[in-house]
Amino acid sequence: MLCRWSLGAIMYEMLVGYPPFYSDKAMSTCRKIVNWKSHLKFPEEAVLSRDAKDLINSLLCSVRRRLGSKGADEIKVSL
């Protein structure tokens, strides 16, 4: 099974240049992940399309709202 949350984090890092919840301290990184709603932001200097941001947001969200939570067809339609 593919971990779609991880896919979103990897996409963010590839497009922005660093992980979405980066911190110098592991505990701080964990807190940012747990409180992702208030920490998931796209830096102004990162030039990302609206589609890229929407896709990342649809992967880095709650399990119930995550892309693919309604089945594989949802992913096929979105991509």
PDB file of N, CA and C in Angstrom:
ATOM      1  N   MET A   1       0.839  -1.177   0.000  1.00  0.00           N
ATOM      2  CA  MET A   1       0.000   0.000   0.000  1.00  0.00           C
ATOM      3  C   MET A   1       0.889   1.247   0.000  1.00  0.00           C
ATOM      4  N   LEU A   2       0.584   2.151  -0.860  1.00  0.00           N
ATOM      5  CA  LEU A   2       1.320   3.405  -0.962  1.00  0.00           C
ATOM      6  C   LEU A   2       0.889   4.363   0.138  1.00  0.00           C
ATOM      7  N   CYS A   3       1.846   4.961   0.789  1.00  0.00           N
ATOM      8  CA  CYS A   3       1.534   5.966   1.803  1.00  0.00           C
ATOM      9  C   CYS A   3       1.428   7.315   1.093  1.00  0.00           C
ATOM     10  N   ARG A   4       0.212   7.749   0.860  1.00  0.00           N
ATOM     11  CA  ARG A   4      -0.005   8.981   0.107  1.00  0.00           C
ATOM     12  C   ARG A   4       0.482  10.212   0.866  1.00  0.00           C
ATOM     13  N   TRP A   5       0.467  10.175   2.201  1.00  0.00           N
ATOM     14  CA  TRP A   5       1.014  11.291   2.987  1.00  0.00           C
ATOM     15  C   TRP A   5       2.501  11.464   2.633  1.00  0.00           C
ATOM     16  N   SER A   6       3.238  10.361   2.612  1.00  0.00           N
ATOM     17  CA  SER A   6       4.667  10.412   2.284  1.00  0.00           C
ATOM     18  C   SER A   6       4.890  10.932   0.871  1.00  0.00           C
ATOM     19  N   LEU A   7       4.046  10.526  -0.047  1.00  0.00           N
ATOM     20  CA  LEU A   7       4.144  11.015  -1.418  1.00  0.00           C
ATOM     21  C   LEU A   7       4.001  12.535  -1.448  1.00  0.00           C
ATOM     22  N   GLY A   8       3.055  13.058  -0.688  1.00  0.00           N
ATOM     23  CA  GLY A   8       2.878  14.512  -0.611  1.00  0.00           C
ATOM     24  C   GLY A   8       4.099  15.205  -0.035  1.00  0.00           C
ATOM     25  N   ALA A   9       4.690  14.618   1.001  1.00  0.00           N
ATOM     26  CA  ALA A   9       5.883  15.199   1.625  1.00  0.00           C
ATOM     27  C   ALA A   9       7.069  15.178   0.658  1.00  0.00           C
ATOM     28  N   ILE A  10       7.214  14.089  -0.084  1.00  0.00           N
ATOM     29  CA  ILE A  10       8.310  13.992  -1.056  1.00  0.00           C
ATOM     30  C   ILE A  10       8.102  14.987  -2.196  1.00  0.00           C
ATOM     31  N   MET A  11       6.873  15.113  -2.675  1.00  0.00           N
ATOM     32  CA  MET A  11       6.583  16.085  -3.731  1.00  0.00           C
ATOM     33  C   MET A  11       6.895  17.500  -3.258  1.00  0.00           C
ATOM     34  N   TYR A  12       6.482  17.825  -2.039  1.00  0.00           N
ATOM     35  CA  TYR A  12       6.761  19.146  -1.472  1.00  0.00           C
ATOM     36  C   TYR A  12       8.266  19.395  -1.471  1.00  0.00           C
ATOM     37  N   GLU A  13       9.025  18.441  -0.962  1.00  0.00           N
ATOM     38  CA  GLU A  13      10.477  18.608  -0.873  1.00  0.00           C
ATOM     39  C   GLU A  13      11.111  18.753  -2.258  1.00  0.00           C
ATOM     40  N   MET A  14      10.633  18.003  -3.226  1.00  0.00           N
ATOM     41  CA  MET A  14      11.180  18.098  -4.579  1.00  0.00           C
ATOM     42  C   MET A  14      10.895  19.464  -5.203  1.00  0.00           C
ATOM     43  N   LEU A  15       9.717  20.006  -4.955  1.00  0.00           N
ATOM     44  CA  LEU A  15       9.324  21.267  -5.584  1.00  0.00           C
ATOM     45  C   LEU A  15       9.781  22.505  -4.814  1.00  0.00           C
ATOM     46  N   VAL A  16       9.854  22.400  -3.494  1.00  0.00           N
ATOM     47  CA  VAL A  16      10.218  23.552  -2.663  1.00  0.00           C
ATOM     48  C   VAL A  16      11.711  23.560  -2.339  1.00  0.00           C
ATOM     49  N   GLY A  17      12.282  22.383  -2.141  1.00  0.00           N
ATOM     50  CA  GLY A  17      13.709  22.301  -1.855  1.00  0.00           C
ATOM     51  C   GLY A  17      14.048  21.870  -0.443  1.00  0.00           C
ATOM     52  N   TYR A  18      13.050  21.727   0.393  1.00  0.00           N
ATOM     53  CA  TYR A  18      13.238  21.227   1.759  1.00  0.00           C
ATOM     54  C   TYR A  18      11.924  20.609   2.231  1.00  0.00           C
ATOM     55  N   PRO A  19      11.969  19.763   3.261  1.00  0.00           N
ATOM     56  CA  PRO A  19      10.761  19.065   3.724  1.00  0.00           C
ATOM     57  C   PRO A  19       9.706  20.035   4.266  1.00  0.00           C
ATOM     58  N   PRO A  20       8.444  19.653   4.186  1.00  0.00           N
ATOM     59  CA  PRO A  20       7.363  20.548   4.607  1.00  0.00           C
ATOM     60  C   PRO A  20       7.332  20.859   6.099  1.00  0.00           C
ATOM     61  N   PHE A  21       7.867  20.000   6.923  1.00  0.00           N
ATOM     62  CA  PHE A  21       7.794  20.202   8.376  1.00  0.00           C
ATOM     63  C   PHE A  21       9.184  20.252   8.994  1.00  0.00           C
ATOM     64  N   TYR A  22      10.130  20.774   8.245  1.00  0.00           N
ATOM     65  CA  TYR A  22      11.533  20.766   8.666  1.00  0.00           C
ATOM     66  C   TYR A  22      11.778  21.563   9.946  1.00  0.00           C
ATOM     67  N   SER A  23      12.652  21.016  10.763  1.00  0.00           N
ATOM     68  CA  SER A  23      13.166  21.690  11.948  1.00  0.00           C
ATOM     69  C   SER A  23      14.526  21.080  12.260  1.00  0.00           C
ATOM     70  N   ASP A  24      15.377  21.836  12.923  1.00  0.00           N
ATOM     71  CA  ASP A  24      16.693  21.315  13.314  1.00  0.00           C
ATOM     72  C   ASP A  24      16.581  20.239  14.386  1.00  0.00           C
ATOM     73  N   LYS A  25      15.481  20.248  15.115  1.00  0.00           N
ATOM     74  CA  LYS A  25      15.293  19.292  16.210  1.00  0.00           C
ATOM     75  C   LYS A  25      14.174  18.310  15.862  1.00  0.00           C
ATOM     76  N   ALA A  26      14.435  17.032  16.093  1.00  0.00           N
ATOM     77  CA  ALA A  26      13.474  15.975  15.746  1.00  0.00           C
ATOM     78  C   ALA A  26      12.133  16.165  16.449  1.00  0.00           C
ATOM     79  N   MET A  27      12.160  16.549  17.711  1.00  0.00           N
ATOM     80  CA  MET A  27      10.906  16.710  18.459  1.00  0.00           C
ATOM     81  C   MET A  27      10.058  17.840  17.872  1.00  0.00           C
ATOM     82  N   SER A  28      10.703  18.890  17.434  1.00  0.00           N
ATOM     83  CA  SER A  28       9.994  20.003  16.809  1.00  0.00           C
ATOM     84  C   SER A  28       9.378  19.574  15.477  1.00  0.00           C
ATOM     85  N   THR A  29      10.110  18.764  14.719  1.00  0.00           N
ATOM     86  CA  THR A  29       9.574  18.227  13.469  1.00  0.00           C
ATOM     87  C   THR A  29       8.334  17.384  13.747  1.00  0.00           C
ATOM     88  N   CYS A  30       8.398  16.549  14.765  1.00  0.00           N
ATOM     89  CA  CYS A  30       7.244  15.709  15.141  1.00  0.00           C
ATOM     90  C   CYS A  30       6.045  16.567  15.512  1.00  0.00           C
ATOM     91  N   ARG A  31       6.278  17.631  16.264  1.00  0.00           N
ATOM     92  CA  ARG A  31       5.178  18.527  16.655  1.00  0.00           C
ATOM     93  C   ARG A  31       4.550  19.188  15.429  1.00  0.00           C
ATOM     94  N   LYS A  32       5.387  19.580  14.489  1.00  0.00           N
ATOM     95  CA  LYS A  32       4.873  20.206  13.266  1.00  0.00           C
ATOM     96  C   LYS A  32       4.025  19.225  12.462  1.00  0.00           C
ATOM     97  N   ILE A  33       4.438  17.974  12.420  1.00  0.00           N
ATOM     98  CA  ILE A  33       3.664  16.965  11.694  1.00  0.00           C
ATOM     99  C   ILE A  33       2.322  16.732  12.378  1.00  0.00           C
ATOM    100  N   VAL A  34       2.337  16.595  13.691  1.00  0.00           N
ATOM    101  CA  VAL A  34       1.098  16.376  14.443  1.00  0.00           C
ATOM    102  C   VAL A  34       0.153  17.565  14.268  1.00  0.00           C
ATOM    103  N   ASN A  35       0.707  18.762  14.236  1.00  0.00           N
ATOM    104  CA  ASN A  35      -0.089  19.990  14.087  1.00  0.00           C
ATOM    105  C   ASN A  35       0.027  20.526  12.659  1.00  0.00           C
ATOM    106  N   TRP A  36      -0.050  19.636  11.699  1.00  0.00           N
ATOM    107  CA  TRP A  36       0.182  19.971  10.301  1.00  0.00           C
ATOM    108  C   TRP A  36      -0.715  21.086   9.787  1.00  0.00           C
ATOM    109  N   LYS A  37      -1.934  21.196  10.283  1.00  0.00           N
ATOM    110  CA  LYS A  37      -2.855  22.217   9.770  1.00  0.00           C
ATOM    111  C   LYS A  37      -2.282  23.621   9.917  1.00  0.00           C
ATOM    112  N   SER A  38      -1.581  23.867  10.997  1.00  0.00           N
ATOM    113  CA  SER A  38      -1.033  25.210  11.217  1.00  0.00           C
ATOM    114  C   SER A  38       0.399  25.357  10.703  1.00  0.00           C
ATOM    115  N   HIS A  39       1.017  24.277  10.253  1.00  0.00           N
ATOM    116  CA  HIS A  39       2.415  24.351   9.814  1.00  0.00           C
ATOM    117  C   HIS A  39       2.631  24.100   8.323  1.00  0.00           C
ATOM    118  N   LEU A  40       1.630  23.590   7.630  1.00  0.00           N
ATOM    119  CA  LEU A  40       1.805  23.329   6.197  1.00  0.00           C
ATOM    120  C   LEU A  40       1.581  24.630   5.430  1.00  0.00           C
ATOM    121  N   LYS A  41       2.688  25.200   4.972  1.00  0.00           N
ATOM    122  CA  LYS A  41       2.640  26.453   4.227  1.00  0.00           C
ATOM    123  C   LYS A  41       3.601  26.359   3.049  1.00  0.00           C
ATOM    124  N   PHE A  42       3.293  27.095   2.017  1.00  0.00           N
ATOM    125  CA  PHE A  42       4.177  27.176   0.860  1.00  0.00           C
ATOM    126  C   PHE A  42       4.901  28.511   0.915  1.00  0.00           C
ATOM    127  N   PRO A  43       6.233  28.490   0.896  1.00  0.00           N
ATOM    128  CA  PRO A  43       6.979  29.747   0.962  1.00  0.00           C
ATOM    129  C   PRO A  43       6.732  30.600  -0.284  1.00  0.00           C
ATOM    130  N   GLU A  44       6.732  31.913  -0.092  1.00  0.00           N
ATOM    131  CA  GLU A  44       6.472  32.822  -1.209  1.00  0.00           C
ATOM    132  C   GLU A  44       7.491  32.671  -2.327  1.00  0.00           C
ATOM    133  N   GLU A  45       8.744  32.372  -1.961  1.00  0.00           N
ATOM    134  CA  GLU A  45       9.795  32.281  -2.980  1.00  0.00           C
ATOM    135  C   GLU A  45       9.691  31.019  -3.838  1.00  0.00           C
ATOM    136  N   ALA A  46       8.908  30.049  -3.408  1.00  0.00           N
ATOM    137  CA  ALA A  46       8.722  28.820  -4.188  1.00  0.00           C
ATOM    138  C   ALA A  46       7.660  29.072  -5.258  1.00  0.00           C
ATOM    139  N   VAL A  47       8.037  28.859  -6.494  1.00  0.00           N
ATOM    140  CA  VAL A  47       7.107  29.082  -7.600  1.00  0.00           C
ATOM    141  C   VAL A  47       6.444  27.752  -7.934  1.00  0.00           C
ATOM    142  N   LEU A  48       5.234  27.575  -7.425  1.00  0.00           N
ATOM    143  CA  LEU A  48       4.471  26.346  -7.658  1.00  0.00           C
ATOM    144  C   LEU A  48       3.146  26.712  -8.302  1.00  0.00           C
ATOM    145  N   SER A  49       2.698  25.872  -9.206  1.00  0.00           N
ATOM    146  CA  SER A  49       1.394  26.095  -9.827  1.00  0.00           C
ATOM    147  C   SER A  49       0.294  25.810  -8.806  1.00  0.00           C
ATOM    148  N   ARG A  50      -0.871  26.322  -9.077  1.00  0.00           N
ATOM    149  CA  ARG A  50      -2.033  26.063  -8.225  1.00  0.00           C
ATOM    150  C   ARG A  50      -2.305  24.563  -8.198  1.00  0.00           C
ATOM    151  N   ASP A  51      -2.163  23.886  -9.344  1.00  0.00           N
ATOM    152  CA  ASP A  51      -2.389  22.439  -9.403  1.00  0.00           C
ATOM    153  C   ASP A  51      -1.419  21.682  -8.504  1.00  0.00           C
ATOM    154  N   ALA A  52      -0.149  22.094  -8.503  1.00  0.00           N
ATOM    155  CA  ALA A  52       0.850  21.429  -7.652  1.00  0.00           C
ATOM    156  C   ALA A  52       0.503  21.615  -6.180  1.00  0.00           C
ATOM    157  N   LYS A  53       0.141  22.830  -5.803  1.00  0.00           N
ATOM    158  CA  LYS A  53      -0.234  23.097  -4.405  1.00  0.00           C
ATOM    159  C   LYS A  53      -1.474  22.298  -4.017  1.00  0.00           C
ATOM    160  N   ASP A  54      -2.457  22.273  -4.914  1.00  0.00           N
ATOM    161  CA  ASP A  54      -3.688  21.526  -4.627  1.00  0.00           C
ATOM    162  C   ASP A  54      -3.402  20.036  -4.452  1.00  0.00           C
ATOM    163  N   LEU A  55      -2.539  19.484  -5.304  1.00  0.00           N
ATOM    164  CA  LEU A  55      -2.203  18.063  -5.203  1.00  0.00           C
ATOM    165  C   LEU A  55      -1.491  17.771  -3.885  1.00  0.00           C
ATOM    166  N   ILE A  56      -0.523  18.585  -3.527  1.00  0.00           N
ATOM    167  CA  ILE A  56       0.190  18.391  -2.261  1.00  0.00           C
ATOM    168  C   ILE A  56      -0.770  18.520  -1.090  1.00  0.00           C
ATOM    169  N   ASN A  57      -1.638  19.529  -1.124  1.00  0.00           N
ATOM    170  CA  ASN A  57      -2.620  19.697  -0.045  1.00  0.00           C
ATOM    171  C   ASN A  57      -3.585  18.521   0.034  1.00  0.00           C
ATOM    172  N   SER A  58      -3.878  17.892  -1.110  1.00  0.00           N
ATOM    173  CA  SER A  58      -4.803  16.752  -1.097  1.00  0.00           C
ATOM    174  C   SER A  58      -4.131  15.481  -0.583  1.00  0.00           C
ATOM    175  N   LEU A  59      -2.812  15.491  -0.486  1.00  0.00           N
ATOM    176  CA  LEU A  59      -2.070  14.347   0.050  1.00  0.00           C
ATOM    177  C   LEU A  59      -1.655  14.572   1.504  1.00  0.00           C
ATOM    178  N   LEU A  60      -1.314  15.806   1.850  1.00  0.00           N
ATOM    179  CA  LEU A  60      -0.905  16.134   3.223  1.00  0.00           C
ATOM    180  C   LEU A  60      -2.104  16.697   3.972  1.00  0.00           C
ATOM    181  N   CYS A  61      -3.046  15.833   4.241  1.00  0.00           N
ATOM    182  CA  CYS A  61      -4.267  16.234   4.943  1.00  0.00           C
ATOM    183  C   CYS A  61      -4.778  15.039   5.753  1.00  0.00           C
ATOM    184  N   SER A  62      -5.918  15.206   6.379  1.00  0.00           N
ATOM    185  CA  SER A  62      -6.473  14.125   7.199  1.00  0.00           C
ATOM    186  C   SER A  62      -6.770  12.899   6.329  1.00  0.00           C
ATOM    187  N   VAL A  63      -6.738  11.748   6.931  1.00  0.00           N
ATOM    188  CA  VAL A  63      -6.951  10.485   6.209  1.00  0.00           C
ATOM    189  C   VAL A  63      -8.286  10.496   5.475  1.00  0.00           C
ATOM    190  N   ARG A  64      -9.314  11.012   6.094  1.00  0.00           N
ATOM    191  CA  ARG A  64     -10.650  10.995   5.481  1.00  0.00           C
ATOM    192  C   ARG A  64     -10.740  11.878   4.243  1.00  0.00           C
ATOM    193  N   ARG A  65      -9.935  12.933   4.191  1.00  0.00           N
ATOM    194  CA  ARG A  65      -9.978  13.867   3.066  1.00  0.00           C
ATOM    195  C   ARG A  65      -8.871  13.607   2.048  1.00  0.00           C
ATOM    196  N   ARG A  66      -7.954  12.714   2.351  1.00  0.00           N
ATOM    197  CA  ARG A  66      -6.778  12.474   1.509  1.00  0.00           C
ATOM    198  C   ARG A  66      -7.180  11.902   0.156  1.00  0.00           C
ATOM    199  N   LEU A  67      -6.509  12.382  -0.873  1.00  0.00           N
ATOM    200  CA  LEU A  67      -6.737  11.885  -2.223  1.00  0.00           C
ATOM    201  C   LEU A  67      -6.591  10.368  -2.239  1.00  0.00           C
ATOM    202  N   GLY A  68      -7.587   9.685  -2.761  1.00  0.00           N
ATOM    203  CA  GLY A  68      -7.578   8.231  -2.818  1.00  0.00           C
ATOM    204  C   GLY A  68      -8.334   7.570  -1.691  1.00  0.00           C
ATOM    205  N   SER A  69      -8.819   8.353  -0.737  1.00  0.00           N
ATOM    206  CA  SER A  69      -9.549   7.762   0.391  1.00  0.00           C
ATOM    207  C   SER A  69     -10.873   7.141  -0.051  1.00  0.00           C
ATOM    208  N   LYS A  70     -11.347   7.528  -1.241  1.00  0.00           N
ATOM    209  CA  LYS A  70     -12.597   6.970  -1.766  1.00  0.00           C
ATOM    210  C   LYS A  70     -12.334   5.923  -2.838  1.00  0.00           C
ATOM    211  N   GLY A  71     -11.074   5.507  -2.955  1.00  0.00           N
ATOM    212  CA  GLY A  71     -10.722   4.467  -3.914  1.00  0.00           C
ATOM    213  C   GLY A  71      -9.779   4.957  -4.995  1.00  0.00           C
ATOM    214  N   ALA A  72      -9.262   4.017  -5.750  1.00  0.00           N
ATOM    215  CA  ALA A  72      -8.272   4.310  -6.787  1.00  0.00           C
ATOM    216  C   ALA A  72      -8.834   5.185  -7.897  1.00  0.00           C
ATOM    217  N   ASP A  73     -10.129   5.051  -8.179  1.00  0.00           N
ATOM    218  CA  ASP A  73     -10.728   5.859  -9.241  1.00  0.00           C
ATOM    219  C   ASP A  73     -10.608   7.349  -8.944  1.00  0.00           C
ATOM    220  N   GLU A  74     -10.669   7.711  -7.680  1.00  0.00           N
ATOM    221  CA  GLU A  74     -10.528   9.119  -7.294  1.00  0.00           C
ATOM    222  C   GLU A  74      -9.151   9.650  -7.708  1.00  0.00           C
ATOM    223  N   ILE A  75      -8.135   8.831  -7.563  1.00  0.00           N
ATOM    224  CA  ILE A  75      -6.777   9.233  -7.942  1.00  0.00           C
ATOM    225  C   ILE A  75      -6.681   9.350  -9.461  1.00  0.00           C
ATOM    226  N   LYS A  76      -7.230   8.386 -10.178  1.00  0.00           N
ATOM    227  CA  LYS A  76      -7.174   8.403 -11.638  1.00  0.00           C
ATOM    228  C   LYS A  76      -7.839   9.650 -12.207  1.00  0.00           C
ATOM    229  N   VAL A  77      -8.974  10.029 -11.652  1.00  0.00           N
ATOM    230  CA  VAL A  77      -9.703  11.204 -12.125  1.00  0.00           C
ATOM    231  C   VAL A  77      -8.918  12.475 -11.837  1.00  0.00           C
ATOM    232  N   SER A  78      -8.287  12.537 -10.679  1.00  0.00           N
ATOM    233  CA  SER A  78      -7.559  13.739 -10.272  1.00  0.00           C
ATOM    234  C   SER A  78      -6.288  13.961 -11.071  1.00  0.00           C
ATOM    235  N   LEU A  79      -5.651  12.883 -11.484  1.00  0.00           N
ATOM    236  CA  LEU A  79      -4.382  13.018 -12.192  1.00  0.00           C
ATOM    237  C   LEU A  79      -4.618  13.016 -13.675  1.00  0.00           C
TER     238      LEU A  79
END
